[in-house]
Amino acid sequence: MSLFKRRGTKGEYMGGCIVSKNVLNGKGKVKWCFREESVRSIDNGWRILSDIDTDEFINEPSNNAVCGFQSMLLIEPALILIYDLPVGSDLVLIKSEGQIGFYDINTGEKVVGMAE
């Protein structure tokens, strides 16, 4: 997979992120991604939610887990496209007609994308 060659290989540590357990256990697919200020040195600030998460679900701390960003790339390789985006990024992942794009939730504009 060529996406992995950009980052996250050869020992480069990409930090940890907070992820919905619906993503980690395969019940839901990656859908919402936002970046906050890091809370610890190992935290890269990314928060990743699924397409089936509700406010009630994600507000329960036990429904979220810390996960290495490299591990998240195994679940959704397109996440490599957003890794370097700044704190404050608030995105939705849309896959349609062979295309993958991350769109700004506030403006609706495509931030990054690629062919699926």
C-alpha atoms as a PDB file:
ATOM      1  CA  MET A   1       0.000   0.000   0.000  1.00  0.00           C
ATOM      2  CA  SER A   2       1.636   3.179  -1.148  1.00  0.00           C
ATOM      3  CA  LEU A   3      -0.152   5.301   1.457  1.00  0.00           C
ATOM      4  CA  PHE A   4       1.906   3.718   4.212  1.00  0.00           C
ATOM      5  CA  LYS A   5       5.159   4.694   2.540  1.00  0.00           C
ATOM      6  CA  ARG A   6       4.546   8.407   3.183  1.00  0.00           C
ATOM      7  CA  ARG A   7       4.522   8.056   6.973  1.00  0.00           C
ATOM      8  CA  GLY A   8       4.220   5.563   9.747  1.00  0.00           C
ATOM      9  CA  THR A   9       6.781   3.090   8.517  1.00  0.00           C
ATOM     10  CA  LYS A  10      10.384   2.460   9.494  1.00  0.00           C
ATOM     11  CA  GLY A  11       9.720   3.228  13.141  1.00  0.00           C
ATOM     12  CA  GLU A  12       8.271   6.720  12.827  1.00  0.00           C
ATOM     13  CA  TYR A  13       5.823   7.068  15.692  1.00  0.00           C
ATOM     14  CA  MET A  14       2.673   8.913  14.683  1.00  0.00           C
ATOM     15  CA  GLY A  15       1.191   9.223  18.170  1.00  0.00           C
ATOM     16  CA  GLY A  16      -2.012   7.992  19.650  1.00  0.00           C
ATOM     17  CA  CYS A  17      -5.558   9.124  18.976  1.00  0.00           C
ATOM     18  CA  ILE A  18      -8.894   8.623  20.684  1.00  0.00           C
ATOM     19  CA  VAL A  19     -11.167   6.337  18.698  1.00  0.00           C
ATOM     20  CA  SER A  20     -14.737   5.134  19.051  1.00  0.00           C
ATOM     21  CA  LYS A  21     -14.887   1.470  19.981  1.00  0.00           C
ATOM     22  CA  ASN A  22     -17.449   1.094  17.178  1.00  0.00           C
ATOM     23  CA  VAL A  23     -14.570   1.714  14.758  1.00  0.00           C
ATOM     24  CA  LEU A  24     -12.163  -0.563  16.593  1.00  0.00           C
ATOM     25  CA  ASN A  25     -14.553  -3.505  16.841  1.00  0.00           C
ATOM     26  CA  GLY A  26     -15.758  -3.167  13.240  1.00  0.00           C
ATOM     27  CA  LYS A  27     -19.377  -2.269  14.058  1.00  0.00           C
ATOM     28  CA  GLY A  28     -19.031   1.126  12.378  1.00  0.00           C
ATOM     29  CA  LYS A  29     -16.857   2.720   9.725  1.00  0.00           C
ATOM     30  CA  VAL A  30     -14.649   5.797  10.131  1.00  0.00           C
ATOM     31  CA  LYS A  31     -16.809   8.856   9.406  1.00  0.00           C
ATOM     32  CA  TRP A  32     -16.010  11.878  11.614  1.00  0.00           C
ATOM     33  CA  CYS A  33     -12.492  13.096  12.410  1.00  0.00           C
ATOM     34  CA  PHE A  34     -11.485  16.161  14.346  1.00  0.00           C
ATOM     35  CA  ARG A  35      -8.228  17.393  15.824  1.00  0.00           C
ATOM     36  CA  GLU A  36      -7.919  18.943  19.247  1.00  0.00           C
ATOM     37  CA  GLU A  37      -4.950  20.162  21.249  1.00  0.00           C
ATOM     38  CA  SER A  38      -2.960  17.192  22.522  1.00  0.00           C
ATOM     39  CA  VAL A  39      -3.607  16.271  26.143  1.00  0.00           C
ATOM     40  CA  ARG A  40      -0.320  14.348  26.546  1.00  0.00           C
ATOM     41  CA  SER A  41       2.935  14.177  24.648  1.00  0.00           C
ATOM     42  CA  ILE A  42       1.949  10.869  22.990  1.00  0.00           C
ATOM     43  CA  ASP A  43      -1.449  12.247  21.919  1.00  0.00           C
ATOM     44  CA  ASN A  44      -1.515  13.538  18.331  1.00  0.00           C
ATOM     45  CA  GLY A  45      -4.889  15.213  18.947  1.00  0.00           C
ATOM     46  CA  TRP A  46      -6.957  13.237  16.439  1.00  0.00           C
ATOM     47  CA  ARG A  47     -10.397  12.002  17.511  1.00  0.00           C
ATOM     48  CA  ILE A  48     -12.029   9.448  15.223  1.00  0.00           C
ATOM     49  CA  LEU A  49     -15.712   8.522  15.330  1.00  0.00           C
ATOM     50  CA  SER A  50     -17.863   6.067  13.412  1.00  0.00           C
ATOM     51  CA  ASP A  51     -20.864   6.412  11.166  1.00  0.00           C
ATOM     52  CA  ILE A  52     -23.107   4.852  13.827  1.00  0.00           C
ATOM     53  CA  ASP A  53     -21.947   6.813  16.883  1.00  0.00           C
ATOM     54  CA  THR A  54     -24.465   8.907  18.774  1.00  0.00           C
ATOM     55  CA  ASP A  55     -23.740  11.747  21.201  1.00  0.00           C
ATOM     56  CA  GLU A  56     -24.830   9.493  24.051  1.00  0.00           C
ATOM     57  CA  PHE A  57     -22.449   6.741  22.918  1.00  0.00           C
ATOM     58  CA  ILE A  58     -19.354   8.904  22.474  1.00  0.00           C
ATOM     59  CA  ASN A  59     -19.935  10.866  25.682  1.00  0.00           C
ATOM     60  CA  GLU A  60     -19.486   7.641  27.662  1.00  0.00           C
ATOM     61  CA  PRO A  61     -15.687   7.400  28.203  1.00  0.00           C
ATOM     62  CA  SER A  62     -15.723   3.592  28.207  1.00  0.00           C
ATOM     63  CA  ASN A  63     -16.931   3.655  24.578  1.00  0.00           C
ATOM     64  CA  ASN A  64     -13.670   5.259  23.413  1.00  0.00           C
ATOM     65  CA  ALA A  65     -10.115   3.963  23.417  1.00  0.00           C
ATOM     66  CA  VAL A  66      -6.609   5.215  22.757  1.00  0.00           C
ATOM     67  CA  CYS A  67      -5.169   3.706  19.604  1.00  0.00           C
ATOM     68  CA  GLY A  68      -1.909   4.234  17.738  1.00  0.00           C
ATOM     69  CA  PHE A  69      -2.403   6.183  14.527  1.00  0.00           C
ATOM     70  CA  GLN A  70      -0.493   3.500  12.599  1.00  0.00           C
ATOM     71  CA  SER A  71      -3.062   0.947  13.762  1.00  0.00           C
ATOM     72  CA  MET A  72      -5.840   3.213  12.530  1.00  0.00           C
ATOM     73  CA  LEU A  73      -4.235   3.219   9.084  1.00  0.00           C
ATOM     74  CA  LEU A  74      -4.834  -0.530   8.959  1.00  0.00           C
ATOM     75  CA  ILE A  75      -8.536   0.089   9.565  1.00  0.00           C
ATOM     76  CA  GLU A  76      -8.851   3.131   7.264  1.00  0.00           C
ATOM     77  CA  PRO A  77      -5.787   3.850   5.093  1.00  0.00           C
ATOM     78  CA  ALA A  78      -7.221   7.185   3.887  1.00  0.00           C
ATOM     79  CA  LEU A  79      -6.542   8.646   7.351  1.00  0.00           C
ATOM     80  CA  ILE A  80      -2.957   9.235   6.198  1.00  0.00           C
ATOM     81  CA  LEU A  81      -4.338  12.127   4.135  1.00  0.00           C
ATOM     82  CA  ILE A  82      -5.333  14.090   7.240  1.00  0.00           C
ATOM     83  CA  TYR A  83      -2.447  13.289   9.593  1.00  0.00           C
ATOM     84  CA  ASP A  84      -0.673  16.642   9.112  1.00  0.00           C
ATOM     85  CA  LEU A  85      -3.796  18.840   9.186  1.00  0.00           C
ATOM     86  CA  PRO A  86      -3.855  21.417  11.992  1.00  0.00           C
ATOM     87  CA  VAL A  87      -5.621  21.487  15.334  1.00  0.00           C
ATOM     88  CA  GLY A  88      -9.172  22.671  14.725  1.00  0.00           C
ATOM     89  CA  SER A  89      -9.707  20.456  11.684  1.00  0.00           C
ATOM     90  CA  ASP A  90     -13.260  19.078  11.760  1.00  0.00           C
ATOM     91  CA  LEU A  91     -13.915  16.607   8.964  1.00  0.00           C
ATOM     92  CA  VAL A  92     -16.316  14.066   7.554  1.00  0.00           C
ATOM     93  CA  LEU A  93     -15.073  11.172   5.410  1.00  0.00           C
ATOM     94  CA  ILE A  94     -17.148  10.552   2.292  1.00  0.00           C
ATOM     95  CA  LYS A  95     -16.617   7.645  -0.098  1.00  0.00           C
ATOM     96  CA  SER A  96     -18.511   7.860  -3.368  1.00  0.00           C
ATOM     97  CA  GLU A  97     -18.074   6.562  -6.914  1.00  0.00           C
ATOM     98  CA  GLY A  98     -14.514   5.356  -6.382  1.00  0.00           C
ATOM     99  CA  GLN A  99     -13.402   8.553  -4.652  1.00  0.00           C
ATOM    100  CA  ILE A 100     -12.485   9.201  -1.029  1.00  0.00           C
ATOM    101  CA  GLY A 101     -12.634  12.705   0.377  1.00  0.00           C
ATOM    102  CA  PHE A 102     -12.401  14.457   3.697  1.00  0.00           C
ATOM    103  CA  TYR A 103     -14.709  17.462   3.794  1.00  0.00           C
ATOM    104  CA  ASP A 104     -14.743  20.367   6.229  1.00  0.00           C
ATOM    105  CA  ILE A 105     -17.874  20.008   8.344  1.00  0.00           C
ATOM    106  CA  ASN A 106     -18.364  23.778   8.593  1.00  0.00           C
ATOM    107  CA  THR A 107     -17.842  24.785   4.964  1.00  0.00           C
ATOM    108  CA  GLY A 108     -18.628  21.570   3.075  1.00  0.00           C
ATOM    109  CA  GLU A 109     -15.422  22.070   1.073  1.00  0.00           C
ATOM    110  CA  LYS A 110     -13.192  19.132   0.184  1.00  0.00           C
ATOM    111  CA  VAL A 111      -9.974  19.348   2.200  1.00  0.00           C
ATOM    112  CA  VAL A 112      -8.140  16.305   0.806  1.00  0.00           C
ATOM    113  CA  GLY A 113      -9.036  13.308  -1.313  1.00  0.00           C
ATOM    114  CA  MET A 114      -7.910  10.542  -3.632  1.00  0.00           C
ATOM    115  CA  ALA A 115      -9.182   7.725  -5.822  1.00  0.00           C
ATOM    116  CA  GLU A 116     -10.353   4.700  -3.857  1.00  0.00           C
END
